[in-house]
Amino acid sequence: MTAGMLNSAALKQELATLDARRLDLDARLRDAVARQRYASSEELAERARSDEAALLAEMDRLMTRIRAVEAKLLLAASGKRPSWA
């Protein structure tokens, strides 16, 4: 097995881990939206809005990381070396 194959395997594992985190984060976002919609007080609705904002920022970082790993997988599959390596 070559180092490139090991790298691809590690990247695929990282992508699977990131996808599991994405699914969890998506569920938490849906919960925050539902809490806003059905809040029994303005204070609870505001807390849910704050949670949603924080979760959206986290989702943005996560999606950026997922795109980076996908790009590395494409490079590994093509056999090309990235310009920064």
C-alpha atoms as a PDB file:
ATOM      1  CA  MET A   1       0.000   0.000   0.000  1.00  0.00           C
ATOM      2  CA  THR A   2       1.360   3.404  -0.931  1.00  0.00           C
ATOM      3  CA  ALA A   3       1.391   6.522   1.189  1.00  0.00           C
ATOM      4  CA  GLY A   4      -1.168   8.087  -1.178  1.00  0.00           C
ATOM      5  CA  MET A   5      -3.633   5.304  -0.483  1.00  0.00           C
ATOM      6  CA  LEU A   6      -3.176   5.716   3.252  1.00  0.00           C
ATOM      7  CA  ASN A   7      -3.728   9.431   2.832  1.00  0.00           C
ATOM      8  CA  SER A   8      -6.932   8.837   0.865  1.00  0.00           C
ATOM      9  CA  ALA A   9      -8.181   6.430   3.494  1.00  0.00           C
ATOM     10  CA  ALA A  10      -7.488   8.954   6.251  1.00  0.00           C
ATOM     11  CA  LEU A  11      -9.220  11.692   4.265  1.00  0.00           C
ATOM     12  CA  LYS A  12     -12.255   9.481   3.659  1.00  0.00           C
ATOM     13  CA  GLN A  13     -12.432   8.713   7.373  1.00  0.00           C
ATOM     14  CA  GLU A  14     -12.176  12.409   8.209  1.00  0.00           C
ATOM     15  CA  LEU A  15     -14.933  13.174   5.710  1.00  0.00           C
ATOM     16  CA  ALA A  16     -17.185  10.547   7.317  1.00  0.00           C
ATOM     17  CA  THR A  17     -16.510  12.036  10.754  1.00  0.00           C
ATOM     18  CA  LEU A  18     -17.222  15.545   9.502  1.00  0.00           C
ATOM     19  CA  ASP A  19     -20.445  14.370   7.871  1.00  0.00           C
ATOM     20  CA  ALA A  20     -21.616  12.856  11.167  1.00  0.00           C
ATOM     21  CA  ARG A  21     -20.895  16.190  12.853  1.00  0.00           C
ATOM     22  CA  ARG A  22     -22.839  17.958  10.083  1.00  0.00           C
ATOM     23  CA  LEU A  23     -25.885  15.764  10.653  1.00  0.00           C
ATOM     24  CA  ASP A  24     -25.777  16.450  14.406  1.00  0.00           C
ATOM     25  CA  LEU A  25     -25.352  20.167  13.838  1.00  0.00           C
ATOM     26  CA  ASP A  26     -28.226  20.190  11.351  1.00  0.00           C
ATOM     27  CA  ALA A  27     -30.519  18.578  13.933  1.00  0.00           C
ATOM     28  CA  ARG A  28     -29.466  21.142  16.525  1.00  0.00           C
ATOM     29  CA  LEU A  29     -30.200  23.949  14.041  1.00  0.00           C
ATOM     30  CA  ARG A  30     -33.674  22.566  13.345  1.00  0.00           C
ATOM     31  CA  ASP A  31     -34.276  22.429  17.093  1.00  0.00           C
ATOM     32  CA  ALA A  32     -33.225  26.070  17.516  1.00  0.00           C
ATOM     33  CA  VAL A  33     -35.592  27.145  14.739  1.00  0.00           C
ATOM     34  CA  ALA A  34     -38.462  25.170  16.287  1.00  0.00           C
ATOM     35  CA  ARG A  35     -37.723  26.694  19.690  1.00  0.00           C
ATOM     36  CA  GLN A  36     -37.964  30.156  18.129  1.00  0.00           C
ATOM     37  CA  ARG A  37     -41.241  29.351  16.420  1.00  0.00           C
ATOM     38  CA  TYR A  38     -42.910  27.783  19.455  1.00  0.00           C
ATOM     39  CA  ALA A  39     -41.297  29.745  22.291  1.00  0.00           C
ATOM     40  CA  SER A  40     -43.602  30.540  25.190  1.00  0.00           C
ATOM     41  CA  SER A  41     -41.806  33.805  25.905  1.00  0.00           C
ATOM     42  CA  GLU A  42     -39.736  36.415  24.118  1.00  0.00           C
ATOM     43  CA  GLU A  43     -36.771  35.525  26.345  1.00  0.00           C
ATOM     44  CA  LEU A  44     -36.851  31.889  25.186  1.00  0.00           C
ATOM     45  CA  ALA A  45     -37.228  32.978  21.567  1.00  0.00           C
ATOM     46  CA  GLU A  46     -34.229  35.300  21.891  1.00  0.00           C
ATOM     47  CA  ARG A  47     -32.136  32.527  23.428  1.00  0.00           C
ATOM     48  CA  ALA A  48     -33.097  30.260  20.533  1.00  0.00           C
ATOM     49  CA  ARG A  49     -32.130  33.002  18.011  1.00  0.00           C
ATOM     50  CA  SER A  50     -28.776  33.354  19.730  1.00  0.00           C
ATOM     51  CA  ASP A  51     -28.270  29.579  19.636  1.00  0.00           C
ATOM     52  CA  GLU A  52     -29.169  29.534  15.945  1.00  0.00           C
ATOM     53  CA  ALA A  53     -26.632  32.261  15.150  1.00  0.00           C
ATOM     54  CA  ALA A  54     -23.863  30.380  16.956  1.00  0.00           C
ATOM     55  CA  LEU A  55     -24.822  27.105  15.278  1.00  0.00           C
ATOM     56  CA  LEU A  56     -24.864  28.742  11.833  1.00  0.00           C
ATOM     57  CA  ALA A  57     -21.340  30.058  12.392  1.00  0.00           C
ATOM     58  CA  GLU A  58     -20.240  26.578  13.447  1.00  0.00           C
ATOM     59  CA  MET A  59     -21.938  25.066  10.368  1.00  0.00           C
ATOM     60  CA  ASP A  60     -20.103  27.535   8.137  1.00  0.00           C
ATOM     61  CA  ARG A  61     -16.743  26.480   9.585  1.00  0.00           C
ATOM     62  CA  LEU A  62     -17.671  22.815   9.294  1.00  0.00           C
ATOM     63  CA  MET A  63     -18.771  23.126   5.663  1.00  0.00           C
ATOM     64  CA  THR A  64     -15.539  24.955   4.819  1.00  0.00           C
ATOM     65  CA  ARG A  65     -13.570  22.067   6.362  1.00  0.00           C
ATOM     66  CA  ILE A  66     -15.657  19.510   4.456  1.00  0.00           C
ATOM     67  CA  ARG A  67     -14.960  21.317   1.166  1.00  0.00           C
ATOM     68  CA  ALA A  68     -11.234  21.349   1.957  1.00  0.00           C
ATOM     69  CA  VAL A  69     -11.177  17.606   2.638  1.00  0.00           C
ATOM     70  CA  GLU A  70     -13.150  16.933  -0.555  1.00  0.00           C
ATOM     71  CA  ALA A  71     -10.626  18.999  -2.531  1.00  0.00           C
ATOM     72  CA  LYS A  72      -7.749  17.038  -0.992  1.00  0.00           C
ATOM     73  CA  LEU A  73      -9.477  13.787  -1.931  1.00  0.00           C
ATOM     74  CA  LEU A  74      -9.820  14.978  -5.519  1.00  0.00           C
ATOM     75  CA  LEU A  75      -6.134  15.863  -5.589  1.00  0.00           C
ATOM     76  CA  ALA A  76      -5.195  12.503  -4.107  1.00  0.00           C
ATOM     77  CA  ALA A  77      -7.317  10.717  -6.730  1.00  0.00           C
ATOM     78  CA  SER A  78      -5.741  12.699  -9.561  1.00  0.00           C
ATOM     79  CA  GLY A  79      -2.225  11.932  -8.354  1.00  0.00           C
ATOM     80  CA  LYS A  80      -1.253  15.586  -8.523  1.00  0.00           C
ATOM     81  CA  ARG A  81       0.658  17.328  -5.781  1.00  0.00           C
ATOM     82  CA  PRO A  82      -0.946  20.423  -4.293  1.00  0.00           C
ATOM     83  CA  SER A  83       0.917  23.665  -4.903  1.00  0.00           C
ATOM     84  CA  TRP A  84       1.535  24.135  -1.165  1.00  0.00           C
ATOM     85  CA  ALA A  85       3.182  20.715  -0.711  1.00  0.00           C
END
